[in-house]
Protein backbone atom coordinates (compact mmCIF):
# COMPACT_ATOMS: atom_id res chain seq x y z
CA MET A 1 99.47 130.34 164.20
CA ALA A 2 97.65 131.68 161.16
CA THR A 3 100.96 131.79 159.31
CA ASP A 4 101.52 128.09 160.01
CA ILE A 5 98.05 127.20 158.73
CA ILE A 6 98.62 129.22 155.56
CA ALA A 7 101.99 127.55 155.08
CA GLN A 8 100.46 124.08 155.48
CA LEU A 9 97.69 124.95 153.03
CA ALA A 10 100.19 126.27 150.49
CA ASP A 11 102.29 123.12 150.88
CA SER A 12 99.23 120.94 150.39
CA LEU A 13 98.18 122.83 147.28
CA ALA A 14 101.69 122.61 145.90
CA LYS A 15 101.65 118.85 146.23
CA THR A 16 98.11 118.32 145.03
CA ALA A 17 96.83 119.24 141.58
CA VAL A 18 93.10 119.64 141.06
CA LYS A 19 91.32 120.03 137.74
CA ASP A 20 88.02 119.01 136.14
CA GLY A 21 87.03 116.49 138.80
CA GLU A 22 90.60 115.15 138.98
CA LEU A 23 92.77 114.95 142.08
CA SER A 24 96.45 114.33 141.35
CA TYR A 25 99.42 113.24 143.43
CA LYS A 26 101.36 112.34 140.33
CA GLY A 27 105.14 112.07 140.54
CA GLN A 28 105.56 113.16 144.13
CA GLY A 29 107.81 110.19 144.92
CA ARG A 30 106.24 109.54 148.30
CA LYS A 31 106.74 106.25 150.17
CA LEU A 32 103.40 105.48 151.80
CA ASP A 33 103.50 102.43 154.04
CA ASP A 34 100.52 102.71 156.40
CA ALA A 35 97.24 104.55 157.07
CA LYS A 36 98.96 107.37 158.93
CA SER A 37 101.20 108.17 155.95
CA VAL A 38 98.14 108.85 153.77
CA GLU A 39 96.01 110.80 156.24
CA ASP A 40 96.30 114.00 154.21
CA MET A 41 95.33 112.18 151.01
CA VAL A 42 92.38 110.51 152.67
CA LYS A 43 91.04 113.83 153.91
CA GLU A 44 91.47 115.53 150.54
CA ILE A 45 89.72 112.66 148.76
CA GLN A 46 86.88 112.70 151.30
CA ASP A 47 86.42 116.45 150.90
CA PHE A 48 86.52 116.41 147.09
CA GLU A 49 82.95 116.67 145.83
CA GLY A 50 82.24 114.96 142.49
CA LEU A 51 85.62 113.20 142.31
CA GLN A 52 86.00 111.60 138.87
CA ALA A 53 89.71 110.87 138.54
CA LEU A 54 92.55 110.06 140.93
CA ARG A 55 96.22 110.13 139.96
CA LEU A 56 98.47 108.11 142.24
CA GLU A 57 101.29 107.30 139.79
CA GLY A 58 104.89 107.93 140.77
CA ASN A 59 104.40 107.09 144.45
CA THR A 60 104.68 103.74 146.24
CA PHE A 61 101.85 102.32 148.36
CA GLY A 62 101.93 99.53 150.94
CA VAL A 63 98.90 97.36 151.60
CA ALA A 64 97.70 99.38 154.60
CA ALA A 65 98.10 102.67 152.76
CA ALA A 66 96.16 101.34 149.75
CA GLN A 67 93.39 100.07 152.03
CA ALA A 68 93.06 103.50 153.65
CA ILE A 69 92.76 105.17 150.22
CA ALA A 70 90.26 102.52 149.20
CA LYS A 71 88.06 103.18 152.23
CA THR A 72 87.55 106.79 151.24
CA LEU A 73 86.69 105.81 147.63
CA GLU A 74 83.70 103.76 148.79
CA THR A 75 81.44 106.84 148.65
CA LYS A 76 82.66 108.25 145.32
CA SER A 77 79.90 107.16 142.93
CA ASP A 78 80.97 109.71 140.26
CA PHE A 79 84.40 108.11 139.99
CA LYS A 80 85.50 107.22 136.42
CA ARG A 81 89.25 107.27 135.87
CA CYS A 82 92.04 105.40 137.68
CA TYR A 83 95.53 106.64 136.86
CA TRP A 84 97.41 104.16 139.01
CA SER A 85 100.56 103.32 137.07
CA ASP A 86 103.93 102.98 138.82
CA MET A 87 102.51 102.89 142.35
CA PHE A 88 104.17 99.78 143.80
CA THR A 89 107.88 100.42 143.25
CA GLY A 90 109.97 98.58 145.83
CA ARG A 91 107.03 96.53 147.13
CA LEU A 92 106.97 92.78 147.44
CA ARG A 93 104.94 91.13 144.71
CA SER A 94 102.80 89.51 147.41
CA GLU A 95 101.72 92.98 148.59
CA ILE A 96 100.26 94.04 145.27
CA PRO A 97 97.22 91.73 144.86
CA PRO A 98 95.65 92.61 148.26
CA ALA A 99 96.25 96.31 147.61
CA LEU A 100 94.56 96.08 144.21
CA ASN A 101 91.74 93.97 145.62
CA SER A 102 90.92 96.57 148.25
CA LEU A 103 90.90 99.41 145.70
CA GLY A 104 88.72 97.42 143.30
CA ASP A 105 86.28 96.42 146.03
CA ALA A 106 85.88 100.06 147.02
CA LEU A 107 85.00 101.11 143.48
CA MET A 108 82.43 98.33 143.19
CA LEU A 109 80.92 99.29 146.54
CA ALA A 110 80.65 102.90 145.36
CA SER A 111 78.83 101.73 142.19
CA ALA A 112 81.41 103.66 140.18
CA ARG A 113 81.41 103.36 136.39
CA LEU A 114 84.99 103.29 135.12
CA THR A 115 86.08 104.58 131.73
CA VAL A 116 89.87 104.46 132.31
CA LEU A 117 91.95 101.91 134.23
CA ASP A 118 95.69 102.48 133.99
CA LEU A 119 97.93 100.13 135.98
CA SER A 120 100.99 100.31 133.72
CA ASP A 121 104.55 99.92 135.01
CA ASN A 122 103.49 97.84 137.98
CA ALA A 123 105.46 94.58 137.84
CA PHE A 124 102.72 92.53 139.43
CA GLY A 125 102.81 89.42 137.21
CA PRO A 126 99.91 86.96 136.88
CA ASP A 127 98.99 87.40 140.56
CA GLY A 128 98.47 91.11 139.98
CA VAL A 129 95.98 90.32 137.22
CA LYS A 130 94.13 88.16 139.74
CA GLY A 131 94.01 91.26 141.96
CA ILE A 132 91.84 93.06 139.39
CA GLU A 133 90.00 90.02 138.05
CA LYS A 134 86.88 90.58 140.13
CA LEU A 135 86.82 94.28 139.25
CA LEU A 136 87.11 93.58 135.52
CA LYS A 137 84.16 91.19 135.62
CA SER A 138 81.96 93.59 137.56
CA VAL A 139 79.37 96.15 136.49
CA THR A 140 81.92 98.85 137.40
CA CYS A 141 83.84 97.92 134.23
CA PHE A 142 80.88 97.59 131.88
CA THR A 143 81.66 101.16 130.76
CA LEU A 144 85.45 100.73 130.49
CA GLN A 145 86.93 102.43 127.41
CA GLU A 146 90.66 102.41 128.13
CA LEU A 147 92.64 99.56 129.72
CA ARG A 148 96.36 100.25 130.09
CA LEU A 149 98.55 97.46 131.46
CA ASN A 150 101.89 98.27 129.88
CA ASN A 151 105.01 96.67 131.35
CA CYS A 152 103.29 94.64 134.05
CA GLY A 153 104.98 91.27 133.52
CA MET A 154 101.64 89.48 133.12
CA GLY A 155 103.09 86.54 131.20
CA ILE A 156 101.02 83.90 129.45
CA GLY A 157 99.05 83.11 132.59
CA GLY A 158 98.18 86.74 133.26
CA GLY A 159 97.17 87.21 129.63
CA LYS A 160 94.77 84.30 129.84
CA ILE A 161 93.23 85.55 133.10
CA LEU A 162 92.83 89.01 131.59
CA ALA A 163 91.24 87.62 128.41
CA SER A 164 88.79 85.49 130.38
CA SER A 165 87.84 88.47 132.57
CA LEU A 166 87.16 90.68 129.55
CA ILE A 167 85.09 87.98 127.86
CA GLN A 168 82.99 87.49 130.98
CA CYS A 169 82.56 91.24 131.36
CA HIS A 170 81.34 91.42 127.78
CA HIS A 171 78.87 88.58 128.27
CA LYS A 172 77.47 90.10 131.48
CA SER A 173 77.26 93.63 130.11
CA SER A 174 75.63 92.40 126.89
CA ALA A 175 72.97 90.64 128.94
CA GLU A 176 72.09 94.06 130.39
CA ASN A 177 72.04 95.70 126.93
CA SER A 178 75.21 97.69 127.61
CA PRO A 179 78.01 95.59 126.05
CA LEU A 180 81.59 96.32 127.00
CA SER A 181 83.01 98.55 124.25
CA LEU A 182 86.69 98.86 125.02
CA LYS A 183 88.38 101.37 122.71
CA VAL A 184 92.02 101.48 123.88
CA PHE A 185 94.06 98.44 124.91
CA VAL A 186 97.71 98.79 125.93
CA ALA A 187 99.78 95.81 127.05
CA GLY A 188 103.33 96.15 125.80
CA ARG A 189 106.29 94.35 127.41
CA ASN A 190 104.26 91.65 129.15
CA ARG A 191 105.73 88.39 127.75
CA LEU A 192 102.29 87.36 126.55
CA GLU A 193 103.74 85.15 123.80
CA ASN A 194 101.48 83.20 121.45
CA GLU A 195 99.14 81.70 124.03
CA GLY A 196 98.46 84.97 125.82
CA ALA A 197 98.00 86.86 122.54
CA THR A 198 95.67 84.19 121.17
CA ALA A 199 93.54 84.28 124.31
CA LEU A 200 93.26 88.07 124.13
CA ALA A 201 92.44 87.87 120.42
CA GLN A 202 89.26 86.01 121.34
CA ALA A 203 88.21 88.87 123.59
CA PHE A 204 89.07 91.47 120.95
CA GLN A 205 87.03 89.70 118.31
CA LEU A 206 84.07 89.49 120.66
CA MET A 207 84.11 93.20 121.57
CA SER A 208 84.60 94.56 118.02
CA SER A 209 85.02 98.09 119.44
CA LEU A 210 88.78 98.64 119.56
CA GLU A 211 90.28 101.82 118.17
CA GLU A 212 93.83 101.51 119.52
CA VAL A 213 95.84 98.34 120.20
CA HIS A 214 99.38 98.58 121.58
CA MET A 215 101.13 95.25 122.22
CA PRO A 216 104.85 95.75 121.48
CA GLN A 217 107.62 93.50 122.84
CA ASN A 218 105.55 90.48 123.81
CA GLY A 219 107.43 87.62 122.17
CA ILE A 220 104.52 86.92 119.83
CA ASN A 221 105.28 84.76 116.79
CA HIS A 222 103.33 84.15 113.60
CA SER A 223 100.61 81.97 115.16
CA GLY A 224 99.79 84.62 117.76
CA VAL A 225 100.04 87.37 115.17
CA THR A 226 97.64 85.45 112.92
CA ALA A 227 95.13 85.15 115.78
CA LEU A 228 95.39 88.89 116.43
CA ALA A 229 94.98 89.57 112.69
CA THR A 230 91.72 87.64 112.66
CA ALA A 231 90.50 89.62 115.66
CA MET A 232 91.52 92.99 114.23
CA GLN A 233 89.41 92.59 111.11
CA HIS A 234 86.34 92.43 113.39
CA ASN A 235 87.13 95.88 114.82
CA PRO A 236 86.10 98.28 112.04
CA GLY A 237 86.92 101.41 114.05
CA LEU A 238 90.59 100.48 114.55
CA ARG A 239 92.83 103.54 114.12
CA ILE A 240 96.17 102.56 115.67
CA LEU A 241 97.85 99.15 115.60
CA ASN A 242 101.23 98.89 117.34
CA LEU A 243 102.81 95.43 117.41
CA ASN A 244 106.40 96.64 117.37
CA ASP A 245 109.18 94.18 118.23
CA ASN A 246 107.29 90.91 117.85
CA THR A 247 108.19 88.27 115.25
CA PHE A 248 105.74 88.19 112.35
CA THR A 249 107.80 86.43 109.68
CA GLU A 250 106.13 86.12 106.29
CA LYS A 251 103.18 84.05 107.58
CA GLY A 252 102.17 86.57 110.22
CA ALA A 253 102.74 89.56 107.95
CA VAL A 254 100.60 88.12 105.16
CA ALA A 255 97.83 87.29 107.66
CA MET A 256 97.94 90.81 109.05
CA ALA A 257 97.92 92.30 105.55
CA GLN A 258 94.79 90.32 104.71
CA ALA A 259 93.09 91.48 107.91
CA LEU A 260 93.87 95.12 107.20
CA LYS A 261 92.00 94.85 103.90
CA HIS A 262 88.78 94.80 105.95
CA LEU A 263 89.57 98.10 107.71
CA ARG A 264 89.12 101.68 106.54
CA SER A 265 89.89 103.80 109.61
CA VAL A 266 93.50 102.80 110.28
CA GLN A 267 95.82 105.79 110.63
CA VAL A 268 98.94 104.36 112.30
CA ILE A 269 100.60 100.98 111.66
CA ASN A 270 103.72 100.11 113.65
CA PHE A 271 105.20 96.78 112.57
CA GLY A 272 108.77 97.91 113.18
CA ASP A 273 111.31 95.28 114.26
CA CYS A 274 108.80 92.55 113.42
CA LEU A 275 110.81 90.65 110.79
CA VAL A 276 108.07 90.99 108.17
CA ARG A 277 110.61 90.11 105.45
CA PRO A 278 110.21 90.87 101.73
CA GLU A 279 107.08 88.86 100.97
CA GLY A 280 105.36 90.18 104.09
CA ALA A 281 106.25 93.74 103.12
CA LYS A 282 104.87 93.19 99.62
CA ALA A 283 101.61 91.84 101.04
CA ILE A 284 101.31 94.87 103.31
CA ALA A 285 102.13 97.14 100.38
CA GLU A 286 99.32 95.60 98.35
CA THR A 287 96.85 96.24 101.17
CA VAL A 288 98.05 99.81 101.60
CA SER A 289 97.77 100.43 97.87
CA GLU A 290 94.22 99.09 97.66
CA GLY A 291 92.81 100.49 100.92
CA LEU A 292 93.63 102.31 104.18
CA PRO A 293 92.60 105.69 102.74
CA ILE A 294 93.52 107.82 105.79
CA LEU A 295 96.86 106.20 106.66
CA LYS A 296 99.20 108.66 108.39
CA GLU A 297 102.11 106.54 109.60
CA LEU A 298 103.58 103.24 108.41
CA ASN A 299 106.55 101.72 110.26
CA LEU A 300 108.21 98.70 108.66
CA SER A 301 111.69 99.32 110.05
CA TYR A 302 114.16 96.57 110.94
CA GLY A 303 112.26 93.86 109.08
CA GLU A 304 114.92 92.33 106.77
CA ILE A 305 113.13 93.95 103.83
CA THR A 306 114.98 94.09 100.51
CA ALA A 307 115.09 97.03 98.12
CA GLU A 308 112.59 95.40 95.79
CA ALA A 309 110.00 94.98 98.54
CA ALA A 310 110.70 98.43 100.00
CA LEU A 311 110.10 100.00 96.58
CA ALA A 312 106.72 98.26 96.46
CA VAL A 313 105.90 99.86 99.83
CA VAL A 314 106.93 103.27 98.55
CA GLN A 315 104.71 102.94 95.52
CA ALA A 316 101.83 101.83 97.73
CA VAL A 317 101.76 105.12 99.66
CA LYS A 318 101.71 107.20 96.47
CA ASN A 319 98.11 108.37 96.83
CA LYS A 320 97.93 108.56 100.63
CA ASP A 321 97.03 112.23 101.04
CA GLN A 322 97.29 112.15 104.83
CA LEU A 323 100.63 110.34 105.09
CA GLU A 324 103.02 111.94 107.55
CA LYS A 325 105.72 109.31 108.02
CA LEU A 326 107.07 106.20 106.30
CA ASP A 327 109.78 104.39 108.29
CA LEU A 328 111.89 101.83 106.42
CA ASN A 329 115.10 102.27 108.41
CA GLY A 330 117.26 99.33 109.42
CA ASN A 331 116.34 97.10 106.47
CA CYS A 332 118.50 95.48 103.78
CA LEU A 333 118.40 98.04 100.99
CA GLY A 334 122.04 98.83 100.24
CA ASP A 335 123.30 102.23 99.16
CA ASP A 336 121.60 102.04 95.77
CA GLY A 337 118.34 100.86 97.33
CA CYS A 338 118.37 103.76 99.79
CA LYS A 339 118.97 106.20 96.95
CA ALA A 340 116.20 104.63 94.90
CA LEU A 341 113.76 104.95 97.79
CA LYS A 342 114.65 108.59 98.32
CA ASP A 343 114.39 109.35 94.61
CA ALA A 344 111.02 107.59 94.36
CA MET A 345 109.59 109.50 97.34
CA GLU A 346 110.92 112.79 96.01
CA GLY A 347 109.48 111.95 92.60
CA MET A 348 106.07 111.69 94.28
CA ASN A 349 106.70 114.98 96.19
CA MET A 350 106.71 112.98 99.43
CA GLY A 351 110.42 113.05 100.25
CA GLU A 352 109.87 114.83 103.56
CA PHE A 353 107.76 111.92 104.85
CA LEU A 354 110.47 109.28 104.46
CA GLY A 355 112.22 108.64 107.76
CA SER A 356 115.97 108.28 108.18
CA LEU A 357 117.70 105.35 106.48
CA SER A 358 120.88 105.76 108.52
CA ASP A 359 120.75 102.29 110.08
CA ASP A 360 120.36 100.40 106.81
CA GLU A 361 121.91 96.94 107.03
CA GLY A 362 123.08 96.82 103.42
CA GLU A 363 121.97 94.26 100.88
CA LEU A 364 121.01 90.95 102.47
CA GLU A 365 123.94 88.55 102.49
CA GLU A 366 123.21 84.99 101.44
CA ASP A 367 124.12 82.40 104.09
CA GLU A 368 125.42 78.90 103.43
CA ASP A 369 121.93 77.43 103.16
CA GLU A 370 121.02 79.99 100.54
CA GLU A 371 124.22 79.17 98.64
CA GLU A 372 123.23 75.51 98.69
CA ASP A 373 119.79 76.53 97.40
CA GLU A 374 121.48 78.49 94.63
CA GLU A 375 123.51 75.42 93.67
CA GLU A 376 120.28 73.44 93.50
CA ASP A 377 118.75 76.23 91.40
CA ASP A 378 121.77 76.08 89.09
CA ASP A 379 121.30 72.33 88.71
CA ASP A 380 117.62 72.90 87.93
CA TYR A 381 118.58 75.61 85.47
CA GLU A 382 121.00 73.27 83.71
CA GLU A 383 118.31 70.59 83.55
CA ASP A 384 115.90 73.15 82.08
CA GLU A 385 118.48 74.10 79.48
CA GLU A 386 118.94 70.44 78.54
CA GLU A 387 115.16 70.05 78.24
CA GLU A 388 115.00 73.17 76.07
CA GLU A 389 117.73 71.81 73.82
CA GLU A 390 115.84 68.54 73.49
CA LEU A 391 112.64 70.46 72.65
CA GLU A 392 114.49 72.50 70.07
CA GLU A 393 115.94 69.35 68.50
CA GLU A 394 112.46 67.82 68.40
CA GLU A 395 111.16 71.01 66.81
CA VAL A 396 113.87 70.86 64.15
CA GLU A 397 113.10 67.20 63.46
CA GLU A 398 109.38 67.94 63.28
CA SER A 399 110.09 70.83 60.95
CA SER A 400 112.16 68.55 58.71
CA GLN A 401 109.39 65.98 58.63
CA ASN A 402 106.88 68.67 57.75
CA LYS A 403 109.06 69.77 54.86
CA LEU A 404 108.84 66.28 53.47
CA SER A 405 105.13 65.78 54.02
CA THR A 406 103.61 69.24 53.78
CA PRO A 407 103.28 71.19 50.53
CA THR A 408 105.06 74.52 50.46
CA SER A 409 101.73 76.19 49.83
CA ALA A 410 100.55 75.29 53.37
CA PRO A 411 103.20 76.56 55.84
CA ARG A 412 102.87 75.97 59.58
CA PRO A 413 101.03 78.71 61.48
CA PRO A 414 103.20 81.14 63.49
CA ASP A 415 104.23 79.61 66.83
CA VAL A 416 104.40 82.29 69.56
CA SER A 417 105.21 79.83 72.33
CA SER A 418 108.21 78.58 70.38
CA PHE A 419 109.48 82.14 70.00
CA LEU A 420 109.05 82.90 73.72
CA ILE A 421 110.91 79.70 74.67
CA PHE A 422 113.73 80.13 72.12
CA PRO A 423 113.68 83.77 70.91
CA SER A 424 115.31 84.57 67.58
CA PRO A 425 114.96 87.43 65.09
CA ASP A 426 113.83 85.05 62.37
CA LYS A 427 111.02 83.57 64.51
CA LEU A 428 109.77 87.04 65.45
CA LEU A 429 109.63 88.16 61.82
CA LYS A 430 107.79 84.98 60.84
CA LEU A 431 105.00 85.86 63.27
CA GLY A 432 103.95 88.45 60.68
CA ALA A 433 102.03 91.71 60.98
CA LYS A 434 99.87 90.39 63.82
CA ARG A 435 102.86 89.49 65.97
CA ALA A 436 101.94 92.04 68.71
CA LEU A 437 98.42 90.63 69.05
CA LEU A 438 99.68 87.05 69.04
CA VAL A 439 102.14 87.79 71.87
CA GLN A 440 99.46 89.60 73.90
CA GLN A 441 97.26 86.53 73.67
CA GLN A 442 100.08 84.28 74.86
CA VAL A 443 101.30 86.34 77.87
CA ASP A 444 99.39 86.80 81.14
CA LEU A 445 99.37 90.60 81.20
CA THR A 446 97.77 90.73 84.66
CA ASP A 447 101.05 89.37 86.08
CA PRO A 448 103.80 92.06 86.15
CA SER A 449 106.61 89.50 86.50
CA LYS A 450 105.45 87.45 83.50
CA THR A 451 105.03 90.63 81.45
CA ALA A 452 108.57 91.72 82.35
CA GLU A 453 109.94 88.29 81.44
CA ALA A 454 108.20 88.34 78.04
CA LEU A 455 109.43 91.87 77.37
CA LEU A 456 113.07 90.91 77.94
CA LYS A 457 112.75 87.85 75.73
CA ILE A 458 111.43 90.00 72.90
CA ALA A 459 114.11 92.64 73.54
CA SER A 460 116.88 90.04 73.45
CA VAL A 461 116.55 89.74 69.63
CA TYR A 462 116.76 93.52 69.02
CA LYS A 463 119.24 94.49 66.27
CA GLU A 464 120.15 98.15 65.95
CA GLU A 465 121.61 97.57 62.48
CA ASN A 466 118.63 95.56 61.14
CA SER A 467 115.69 97.89 60.61
CA ASP A 468 113.14 95.11 60.03
CA VAL A 469 114.01 93.31 63.26
CA LYS A 470 114.28 96.59 65.16
CA HIS A 471 110.82 97.66 63.97
CA ALA A 472 109.33 94.24 64.76
CA VAL A 473 110.73 94.27 68.31
CA LEU A 474 109.58 97.79 69.15
CA ASP A 475 106.16 97.25 67.56
CA THR A 476 105.65 94.07 69.59
CA ILE A 477 106.88 95.71 72.80
CA ASP A 478 104.55 98.70 72.36
CA GLY A 479 101.60 96.41 71.75
CA LEU A 480 102.43 94.40 74.86
CA LEU A 481 102.84 97.41 77.15
CA ASN A 482 99.88 99.36 75.80
CA LYS A 483 97.69 96.39 76.63
CA ALA A 484 99.29 95.79 80.04
CA PHE A 485 99.21 99.41 81.23
CA SER A 486 95.60 99.82 80.13
CA THR A 487 94.59 96.94 82.42
CA PRO A 488 93.24 98.54 85.65
CA SER A 489 94.74 95.86 87.93
CA PHE A 490 98.23 96.05 86.40
CA GLN A 491 100.82 97.14 88.99
CA SER A 492 103.41 99.25 87.23
CA PHE A 493 105.80 99.46 90.15
CA SER A 494 105.84 95.68 90.55
CA PHE A 495 106.60 95.51 86.83
CA VAL A 496 109.59 97.82 87.29
CA SER A 497 110.79 95.78 90.27
CA SER A 498 110.56 92.58 88.22
CA LEU A 499 112.58 94.18 85.42
CA LEU A 500 115.30 95.16 87.89
CA VAL A 501 115.43 91.61 89.27
CA LEU A 502 115.59 89.99 85.85
CA LEU A 503 118.33 92.41 84.78
CA GLY A 504 120.35 91.40 87.85
CA LEU A 505 120.25 94.90 89.36
CA ILE A 506 118.58 93.84 92.59
CA LYS A 507 118.41 90.50 94.37
CA SER A 508 115.19 88.58 94.57
CA GLU A 509 114.09 86.66 97.63
CA ASP A 510 112.40 84.20 95.25
CA LYS A 511 115.74 83.25 93.71
CA VAL A 512 114.68 84.41 90.25
CA LYS A 513 117.43 83.68 87.71
CA PRO A 514 118.61 86.94 86.04
CA VAL A 515 118.91 87.00 82.27
CA LEU A 516 122.18 87.49 80.42
CA VAL A 517 121.90 91.20 79.67
CA VAL A 518 122.63 92.22 76.09
CA PRO A 519 122.62 95.73 74.55
CA GLY A 520 119.22 95.05 73.00
CA HIS A 521 117.63 94.93 76.45
CA LEU A 522 118.88 98.43 77.25
CA HIS A 523 118.02 99.87 73.82
CA VAL A 524 114.45 98.63 74.22
CA LEU A 525 114.28 99.95 77.77
CA GLU A 526 115.42 103.33 76.49
CA HIS A 527 112.61 103.27 73.92
CA ILE A 528 110.09 102.42 76.65
CA VAL A 529 111.28 105.23 78.92
CA ARG A 530 110.72 107.76 76.12
CA GLN A 531 107.04 106.77 75.99
CA ASP A 532 104.40 107.60 78.62
CA TYR A 533 104.30 104.19 80.31
CA PHE A 534 106.24 104.97 83.48
CA PRO A 535 105.48 107.65 86.10
CA LYS A 536 108.40 109.89 87.11
CA GLU A 537 109.07 108.04 90.36
CA SER A 538 109.58 104.79 88.42
CA VAL A 539 112.00 106.55 86.11
CA ALA A 540 113.90 107.76 89.18
CA VAL A 541 114.14 104.21 90.50
CA LEU A 542 115.39 102.89 87.15
CA GLU A 543 118.01 105.63 86.96
CA ALA A 544 119.27 104.83 90.46
CA PHE A 545 119.83 101.16 89.68
CA VAL A 546 121.11 101.53 86.12
CA SER A 547 123.69 104.04 87.42
CA ARG A 548 125.11 101.63 89.99
CA ASN A 549 128.32 99.70 89.40
CA SER A 550 126.74 96.44 88.31
CA LYS A 551 128.50 93.48 86.71
CA SER A 552 125.36 92.54 84.80
CA LEU A 553 125.63 95.70 82.65
CA GLU A 554 129.41 95.71 82.12
CA SER A 555 129.17 94.36 78.56
CA CYS A 556 126.67 97.01 77.44
CA GLY A 557 128.78 100.15 77.74
CA ASN A 558 127.37 102.37 74.97
CA ALA A 559 123.78 101.15 75.37
CA ARG A 560 124.01 101.71 79.11
CA ASN A 561 125.37 105.24 78.77
CA SER A 562 122.63 106.12 76.31
CA LEU A 563 119.95 104.71 78.63
CA GLN A 564 121.35 106.67 81.60
CA SER A 565 121.22 109.92 79.63
CA THR A 566 117.64 109.29 78.55
CA LEU A 567 116.53 108.38 82.06
CA HIS A 568 118.09 111.55 83.47
CA ARG A 569 116.53 113.74 80.78
CA VAL A 570 113.06 112.22 81.11
CA ARG A 571 113.15 112.42 84.88
CA TYR A 572 113.82 116.15 84.95
CA GLN A 573 111.89 117.31 81.92
CA SER A 574 108.80 119.41 82.70
């Protein structure tokens, strides 16, 4: 008899884990249909003094079984944590709301103060949310810190009910000087879509206490993402933001980037598979570069991001001392883009933090619409050329008239704008000794793309065999870059990216028209690389793209080879 009692006790202990006020039946796979099937649980719960947490996940409870468990919780005033995920497998959806209602009523009757409510992986839909609606609005949830409802199929309706419940809880708790301060919110795979996300955003903004938000795979588009972005900027303690597998597009990504500028505690950003696209990635890169001082992980995978935008992201993490992982896999970088990213990260001694690029989609192919856009751009370009020719003819006519009416002792002042529109060696020389200053005054040096454009126009008139022109070009270039790189807001990596676009080495999502590359461009670039303008990682990026088999550089054989050698030498010199 004693042996049987010992055996039963051993069996009970084997099935039941007890620690720190927690009673666990986790993962036992028991099918519990009625009160009789849970008699042992009921007794153990009743006998557990100071019960604070109950783990029921991995079993399946019928209504009667849940009601029996609930009855014994009515006296547990110390109760704090509900780990009740995956506890209705195989049950009818109609069974779940009454089961949840009975458990919630018991906790309210016990005057429990919850800190954790986990009902994940229970496919209860909007009706299931109604089953916890009363609980969420009650004083029992005034102290709630973690709400986990992952993979519950709430839908738009459930999301709205949940949002309303949280808002009411906050209002009621605030009236008693103990406002709801939810820290962790998890609701992935719930088909919340824009309406559900927007409703929850209102609750998030009201609480202002969130530290972790996990809402992946919810079918949220840019309007819902924008609403969430607005809410996030009102939660200064936010550490983790996971919106994986929703659809940001550029609008949502830019809105989220702006919101993140208000936050300083963010450590993990997961915007993977969110279609942030190039402009969205650049906006996020700008925010990362300017703020987020303790960022550890940044996931922008599978977002249709081009090499140019990805390089901006890489540069943005340069000074993130706590970075542990940068994920840019599954984007549209191409082989050369992947190499450039790896070289840039290694150049910053951060190569180990770059995730795999094995699923790269290759450079983004232009579809028929884009080809039509290109044709329109070509038409515009031809019109621009015609306008330029007309302007040049007018300039010649005006010059002729001036020759007739103006004494030779009073020549026209140097015209920088004319040179930048129609560059020529003669025009550059005529700008005189102050040509560098005159160009600086004409170019917006706070804009990396405009600076790169001006540089290539100046470089286009470079003549290796003409020392006067060569000196004038290099002197003007040095003046331009010295001024630009001494401007605190100047973004050197964006400047390099713009150069690569204009040289036709990477595609631009803005349909920027590449220049016709001449040897002078590469000779000037070689001169620049020898100076101290570029950091080593930028040199590595330039080397990667100049070394590729590009049609735009085919006519510059010797100049290209010389530039490659200089880039390689500068990159590896101590």
